Protein backbone atom coordinates (compact mmCIF):
# COMPACT_ATOMS: atom_id res chain seq x y z
CA MET A 1 0.00 0.00 0.00
CA ARG A 2 1.05 3.59 -0.58
CA LEU A 3 0.78 6.94 1.19
CA PHE A 4 1.11 10.16 -0.83
CA GLY A 5 3.01 8.15 -3.46
CA LYS A 6 5.37 6.57 -0.92
CA ALA A 7 5.29 3.05 0.43
CA ALA A 8 3.46 2.84 3.75
CA PRO A 9 5.60 2.01 6.80
CA THR A 10 5.76 -1.63 7.71
CA ARG A 11 3.20 -2.84 10.23
CA ALA A 12 5.88 -4.95 11.92
CA THR A 13 7.56 -1.98 13.62
CA ASP A 14 5.57 -1.43 16.80
CA PRO A 15 6.52 1.75 18.71
CA GLY A 16 5.00 0.30 21.89
CA ASP A 17 2.91 2.28 24.35
CA ILE A 18 2.70 5.95 23.38
CA ALA A 19 1.28 9.01 25.10
CA LEU A 20 -1.70 10.44 23.24
CA HIS A 21 -1.74 14.15 22.53
CA ALA A 22 -3.61 16.55 20.27
CA ARG A 23 -1.65 17.81 17.27
CA ASP A 24 -2.07 21.31 15.96
CA VAL A 25 -2.95 21.29 12.26
CA ARG A 26 -3.46 23.93 9.62
CA PHE A 27 -5.43 23.33 6.42
CA ASP A 28 -5.81 25.54 3.38
CA TRP A 29 -9.42 25.06 2.22
CA ALA A 30 -9.34 27.62 -0.60
CA GLU A 31 -11.05 26.46 -3.80
CA ILE A 32 -11.42 22.80 -2.86
CA PRO A 33 -13.88 21.30 -5.37
CA LEU A 34 -17.15 19.83 -4.13
CA HIS A 35 -16.24 16.60 -5.95
CA TRP A 36 -12.82 16.48 -4.36
CA MET A 37 -12.33 13.04 -5.87
CA THR A 38 -12.86 14.30 -9.40
CA ALA A 39 -13.41 10.86 -10.90
CA GLU A 40 -15.78 9.79 -8.08
CA PRO A 41 -18.45 12.42 -7.30
CA ILE A 42 -20.67 10.01 -5.34
CA ALA A 43 -17.75 8.71 -3.25
CA SER A 44 -16.82 12.35 -2.61
CA HIS A 45 -20.30 12.97 -1.19
CA VAL A 46 -20.20 9.84 0.97
CA MET A 47 -17.01 11.21 2.53
CA ASN A 48 -18.54 14.70 2.69
CA SER A 49 -21.48 13.16 4.58
CA LEU A 50 -19.05 11.67 7.09
CA ASN A 51 -17.42 15.10 7.32
CA LEU A 52 -20.80 16.54 8.34
CA LEU A 53 -21.47 13.89 10.98
CA LEU A 54 -18.08 13.94 12.69
CA PRO A 55 -18.12 17.29 14.56
CA GLU A 56 -21.37 16.74 16.46
CA GLY A 57 -20.58 13.08 17.09
CA GLU A 58 -17.18 13.88 18.50
CA ARG A 59 -18.52 16.71 20.65
CA SER A 60 -20.93 14.19 22.15
CA PHE A 61 -17.96 11.88 22.80
CA LEU A 62 -16.21 14.70 24.65
CA THR A 63 -19.25 15.36 26.84
CA THR A 64 -19.64 11.68 27.71
CA PHE A 65 -15.95 11.15 28.49
CA GLY A 66 -16.03 14.30 30.61
CA GLU A 67 -18.87 12.78 32.66
CA ALA A 68 -17.06 9.45 32.94
CA LEU A 69 -13.65 10.81 33.93
CA PRO A 70 -14.44 11.48 37.64
CA PHE A 71 -15.34 7.79 38.09
CA VAL A 72 -12.02 6.52 36.70
CA ARG A 73 -9.35 5.68 39.28
CA ASP A 74 -6.87 4.00 36.92
CA GLN A 75 -4.22 6.67 36.25
CA LYS A 76 -3.07 5.27 32.90
CA LEU A 77 -6.65 5.10 31.64
CA ARG A 78 -7.26 8.66 32.82
CA GLU A 79 -4.22 9.84 30.86
CA ASP A 80 -5.42 8.00 27.77
CA MET A 81 -8.87 9.53 28.14
CA LEU A 82 -7.42 13.03 28.39
CA GLY A 83 -5.32 12.41 25.28
CA PHE A 84 -8.41 11.06 23.49
CA ILE A 85 -10.41 14.14 24.52
CA GLY A 86 -7.71 16.45 23.17
CA GLN A 87 -7.51 14.65 19.83
CA GLU A 88 -11.29 14.40 19.39
CA SER A 89 -11.72 18.09 20.19
CA MET A 90 -9.25 18.98 17.44
CA HIS A 91 -11.03 16.62 15.02
CA ALA A 92 -14.43 18.20 15.71
CA GLU A 93 -13.26 21.77 15.24
CA THR A 94 -11.20 20.99 12.13
CA HIS A 95 -14.04 19.19 10.34
CA ALA A 96 -16.53 21.87 11.36
CA GLY A 97 -14.18 24.49 9.93
CA SER A 98 -14.19 22.77 6.55
CA HIS A 99 -17.99 22.91 6.13
CA ASP A 100 -18.19 26.51 4.94
CA MET A 101 -15.21 26.28 2.64
CA LEU A 102 -16.21 22.97 1.07
CA LEU A 103 -20.04 22.98 1.07
CA THR A 104 -21.31 26.53 1.53
CA ALA A 105 -18.70 27.86 -0.89
CA ASN A 106 -20.07 25.41 -3.46
CA GLY A 107 -23.71 26.38 -2.95
CA ILE A 108 -24.84 23.71 -0.46
CA ASP A 109 -26.34 24.73 2.90
CA PRO A 110 -25.37 21.98 5.39
CA ARG A 111 -27.37 23.37 8.31
CA PRO A 112 -30.60 21.33 7.95
CA PHE A 113 -28.65 18.06 7.96
CA LEU A 114 -26.38 19.29 10.75
CA ARG A 115 -29.47 19.92 12.90
CA GLN A 116 -30.59 16.33 12.28
CA ALA A 117 -27.14 15.01 13.25
CA GLU A 118 -27.12 17.19 16.35
CA TYR A 119 -30.53 15.88 17.45
CA LEU A 120 -29.54 12.25 16.85
CA PHE A 121 -26.21 12.36 18.67
CA ARG A 122 -27.58 14.31 21.60
CA LYS A 123 -30.43 11.81 21.99
CA THR A 124 -28.22 8.70 21.74
CA VAL A 125 -24.85 9.74 23.19
CA GLY A 126 -25.67 12.98 24.98
CA PRO A 127 -26.47 13.28 28.71
CA ARG A 128 -30.03 12.53 29.81
CA GLN A 129 -30.02 11.89 33.57
CA SER A 130 -27.65 12.85 36.31
CA THR A 131 -24.89 10.31 36.90
CA ARG A 132 -25.65 10.68 40.62
CA THR A 133 -28.60 8.35 40.05
CA ARG A 134 -28.36 4.63 39.28
CA ALA A 135 -30.36 5.06 36.07
CA GLY A 136 -28.10 7.91 35.00
CA ARG A 137 -24.97 5.82 35.59
CA GLN A 138 -26.40 2.95 33.53
CA GLN A 139 -27.20 5.36 30.72
CA LEU A 140 -23.62 6.58 30.92
CA VAL A 141 -22.37 3.01 30.53
CA ASP A 142 -24.60 2.50 27.48
CA ARG A 143 -23.33 5.74 25.95
CA LEU A 144 -19.74 4.66 26.51
CA GLY A 145 -20.58 1.36 24.79
CA VAL A 146 -22.03 3.21 21.78
CA ILE A 147 -18.88 5.32 21.56
CA ALA A 148 -16.70 2.20 21.69
CA SER A 149 -18.70 0.70 18.81
CA LEU A 150 -18.39 3.87 16.73
CA GLU A 151 -14.70 4.20 17.51
CA HIS A 152 -14.19 0.66 16.21
CA PHE A 153 -15.51 1.82 12.84
CA PHE A 154 -13.56 5.05 12.91
CA ALA A 155 -10.36 3.05 13.47
CA PHE A 156 -11.36 0.72 10.63
CA LEU A 157 -11.98 3.71 8.34
CA GLY A 158 -8.74 5.32 9.48
CA ASP A 159 -6.78 2.21 8.58
CA TRP A 160 -8.62 2.02 5.25
CA VAL A 161 -7.90 5.62 4.24
CA LEU A 162 -4.23 5.31 5.23
CA ASN A 163 -3.89 2.32 2.92
CA SER A 164 -6.21 3.38 0.09
CA GLU A 165 -4.92 4.83 -3.15
CA LEU A 166 -7.45 7.60 -3.60
CA GLU A 167 -4.94 9.51 -5.70
CA ARG A 168 -6.10 7.22 -8.54
CA PHE A 169 -9.41 9.14 -8.52
CA ASP A 170 -7.72 12.56 -8.79
CA ALA A 171 -8.34 13.29 -5.11
CA ASP A 172 -7.47 16.73 -3.75
CA PRO A 173 -4.34 16.25 -1.60
CA ARG A 174 -5.61 18.60 1.11
CA MET A 175 -8.77 16.57 1.65
CA LEU A 176 -6.73 13.39 1.60
CA ASP A 177 -4.52 14.82 4.30
CA LEU A 178 -7.58 15.79 6.37
CA TYR A 179 -8.91 12.23 6.34
CA ARG A 180 -5.50 10.58 6.71
CA TRP A 181 -4.47 12.85 9.61
CA HIS A 182 -7.78 12.15 11.33
CA GLY A 183 -7.66 8.45 10.43
CA ALA A 184 -4.13 8.06 11.73
CA GLU A 185 -5.14 9.51 15.12
CA GLU A 186 -8.18 7.19 15.18
CA VAL A 187 -5.82 4.25 14.72
CA GLU A 188 -3.45 5.68 17.32
CA HIS A 189 -6.16 5.93 20.01
CA ARG A 190 -8.25 2.94 18.84
CA ASN A 191 -8.02 1.13 22.19
CA VAL A 192 -9.16 3.97 24.44
CA ALA A 193 -12.96 3.89 24.01
CA HIS A 194 -12.93 0.08 24.24
CA ASP A 195 -10.81 0.16 27.40
CA VAL A 196 -13.13 2.75 28.96
CA ALA A 197 -16.21 0.68 28.09
CA GLU A 198 -14.57 -2.41 29.63
CA TYR A 199 -13.64 -0.44 32.74
CA PHE A 200 -17.31 0.56 33.17
CA GLY A 201 -18.53 -3.00 32.71
CA VAL A 202 -19.72 -3.14 29.10
CA GLY A 203 -19.36 -6.89 28.73
CA TYR A 204 -19.66 -9.25 25.79
CA PHE A 205 -23.46 -9.34 25.44
CA ARG A 206 -23.95 -5.62 25.95
CA ARG A 207 -21.20 -4.87 23.44
CA GLY A 208 -22.81 -7.19 20.90
CA ALA A 209 -26.26 -5.68 21.34
CA LEU A 210 -24.89 -2.17 20.93
CA MET A 211 -22.96 -3.15 17.80
CA LEU A 212 -26.17 -4.59 16.29
CA LEU A 213 -27.71 -1.15 16.84
CA VAL A 214 -24.74 1.02 15.86
CA PHE A 215 -23.59 -0.76 12.67
CA PRO A 216 -26.79 -0.37 10.60
CA SER A 217 -27.53 3.06 12.10
CA PHE A 218 -24.08 4.31 11.10
CA LEU A 219 -24.53 3.11 7.50
CA VAL A 220 -28.07 4.49 7.21
CA LEU A 221 -26.93 7.88 8.49
CA LEU A 222 -24.08 8.00 5.98
CA VAL A 223 -26.42 7.16 3.10
CA ARG A 224 -28.98 9.70 4.36
CA GLY A 225 -26.30 12.40 4.41
CA THR A 226 -25.11 11.41 0.95
CA LYS A 227 -28.67 11.65 -0.40
CA TYR A 228 -28.99 15.11 1.16
CA LEU A 229 -25.83 16.32 -0.56
CA VAL A 230 -26.54 14.72 -3.94
CA LEU A 231 -30.04 16.24 -4.01
CA ARG A 232 -28.53 19.72 -3.51
CA ASP A 233 -25.65 19.25 -5.94
CA PRO A 234 -26.66 21.03 -9.18
CA SER A 235 -24.22 18.95 -11.22
CA LEU A 236 -25.88 15.63 -10.27
CA PRO A 237 -29.39 14.28 -10.94
CA ASP A 238 -31.76 13.33 -8.14
CA LEU A 239 -30.91 9.64 -8.12
CA GLY A 240 -33.33 8.37 -5.48
CA TYR A 241 -32.16 5.80 -2.96
CA PRO A 242 -32.06 2.70 -5.25
CA ARG A 243 -29.88 4.31 -7.92
CA LEU A 244 -27.80 6.11 -5.30
CA LEU A 245 -27.04 2.81 -3.59
CA MET A 246 -26.01 1.30 -6.92
CA ARG A 247 -23.63 4.23 -7.47
CA ILE A 248 -22.20 3.77 -3.98
CA PHE A 249 -21.66 0.05 -4.56
CA GLY A 250 -19.92 0.90 -7.83
CA ALA A 251 -17.56 3.28 -6.02
CA MET A 252 -16.86 0.50 -3.50
CA ARG A 253 -15.97 -1.94 -6.28
CA ARG A 254 -13.54 0.58 -7.75
CA GLY A 255 -11.85 1.11 -4.38
CA ALA A 256 -13.02 4.69 -3.82
CA LEU A 257 -14.89 3.56 -0.68
CA PRO A 258 -14.47 0.60 1.69
CA GLY A 259 -16.57 -2.36 0.57
CA VAL A 260 -19.56 -3.85 2.37
CA PRO A 261 -17.81 -7.23 2.97
CA ALA A 262 -14.91 -5.49 4.70
CA LEU A 263 -17.30 -3.39 6.80
CA LEU A 264 -19.32 -6.46 7.75
CA ILE A 265 -16.24 -8.51 8.64
CA SER A 266 -15.01 -5.62 10.77
CA ALA A 267 -18.34 -5.41 12.60
CA LEU A 268 -18.46 -9.18 13.16
CA SER A 269 -14.93 -9.17 14.59
CA THR A 270 -16.28 -7.39 17.67
CA PHE A 271 -18.33 -10.50 18.52
CA ARG A 272 -15.22 -12.62 19.10
CA PRO A 273 -14.72 -13.49 22.77
CA GLY A 274 -11.78 -11.46 24.03
CA TYR A 275 -12.14 -8.93 21.19
CA SER A 276 -9.72 -5.99 21.24
CA PRO A 277 -9.36 -3.20 18.66
CA GLU A 278 -5.58 -3.62 18.85
CA SER A 279 -5.64 -5.57 15.58
CA VAL A 280 -7.38 -2.73 13.69
CA GLY A 281 -4.59 -0.90 11.91
CA SER A 282 -0.98 -0.27 12.85
CA THR A 283 0.23 2.24 15.42
CA ALA A 284 3.60 2.39 13.64
CA GLN A 285 1.97 3.31 10.35
CA ALA A 286 -0.27 5.90 12.02
CA VAL A 287 2.58 7.60 13.88
CA ALA A 288 4.73 7.61 10.74
CA TYR A 289 1.99 9.34 8.76
CA LEU A 290 1.37 11.90 11.51
CA ALA A 291 5.07 12.78 11.47
CA GLN A 292 4.86 13.78 7.80
CA SER A 293 1.26 15.04 7.46
CA PRO A 294 1.36 18.30 5.47
CA ALA A 295 -1.27 19.92 7.73
CA ALA A 296 0.64 19.04 10.89
CA ARG A 297 3.91 20.26 9.41
CA ALA A 298 2.27 23.53 8.26
CA ALA A 299 1.27 24.27 11.88
CA SER A 300 4.68 23.50 13.36
């Protein structure tokens, strides 16, 4: 596999335990095309849909981890959670900052869909009852389990984008760097949400039940966002869901998006007894990319 035209670092070189920290990044969004993968407009909108969902989702993660932190007595886990919070905060603000330059600048108002995403995440992952009550604490555990399930997929997608060759589709290098920087940090902190969920007692059956809820919901939300963007894109016809899905499957076959079999296998892997996200991606590869990310270097 290749990164920015260079061979990806070997997965065999494990840097061992690393301290998580937020990295300052600086992106130049000027004149990024709406179809930032020129040869794959539908795949571009699938990724743009993810770009819309990430800020509110990650802000909900921050709120939930902030509620959970006072209950954590394990010092190493606390440090990992703080590192996770710092990275996710940077992800949320960076993706939110790209909305105006990528969508609004190209004539698409993202606010109606953003309001839907905000409502959904605040209802599923946001606070509902005080954690001083037993019911509130159990809701907190469920929310941590949902985050662990979502973080599994974000690590999977991070590993995929690090190893994909989206340059073949004439992808804008700045958008590639956005997703690869974010994806590399998702791989780097892939164990944290799982470890937190385990610490709070999200066991095998609860984890499985939550994955059965999260996996289809995640895919439906991505397709819903893609439909929203395609409908408002003056250069594309209103495809309707059946034809849109066929276009998405076509992009998957060409390698512009991760395929359904890979997504399904990834989801099913969480049902293995003793599952750990450690096998999702390579820390060495992630750290190596982060060391040479153009956005990270521009901010240094």
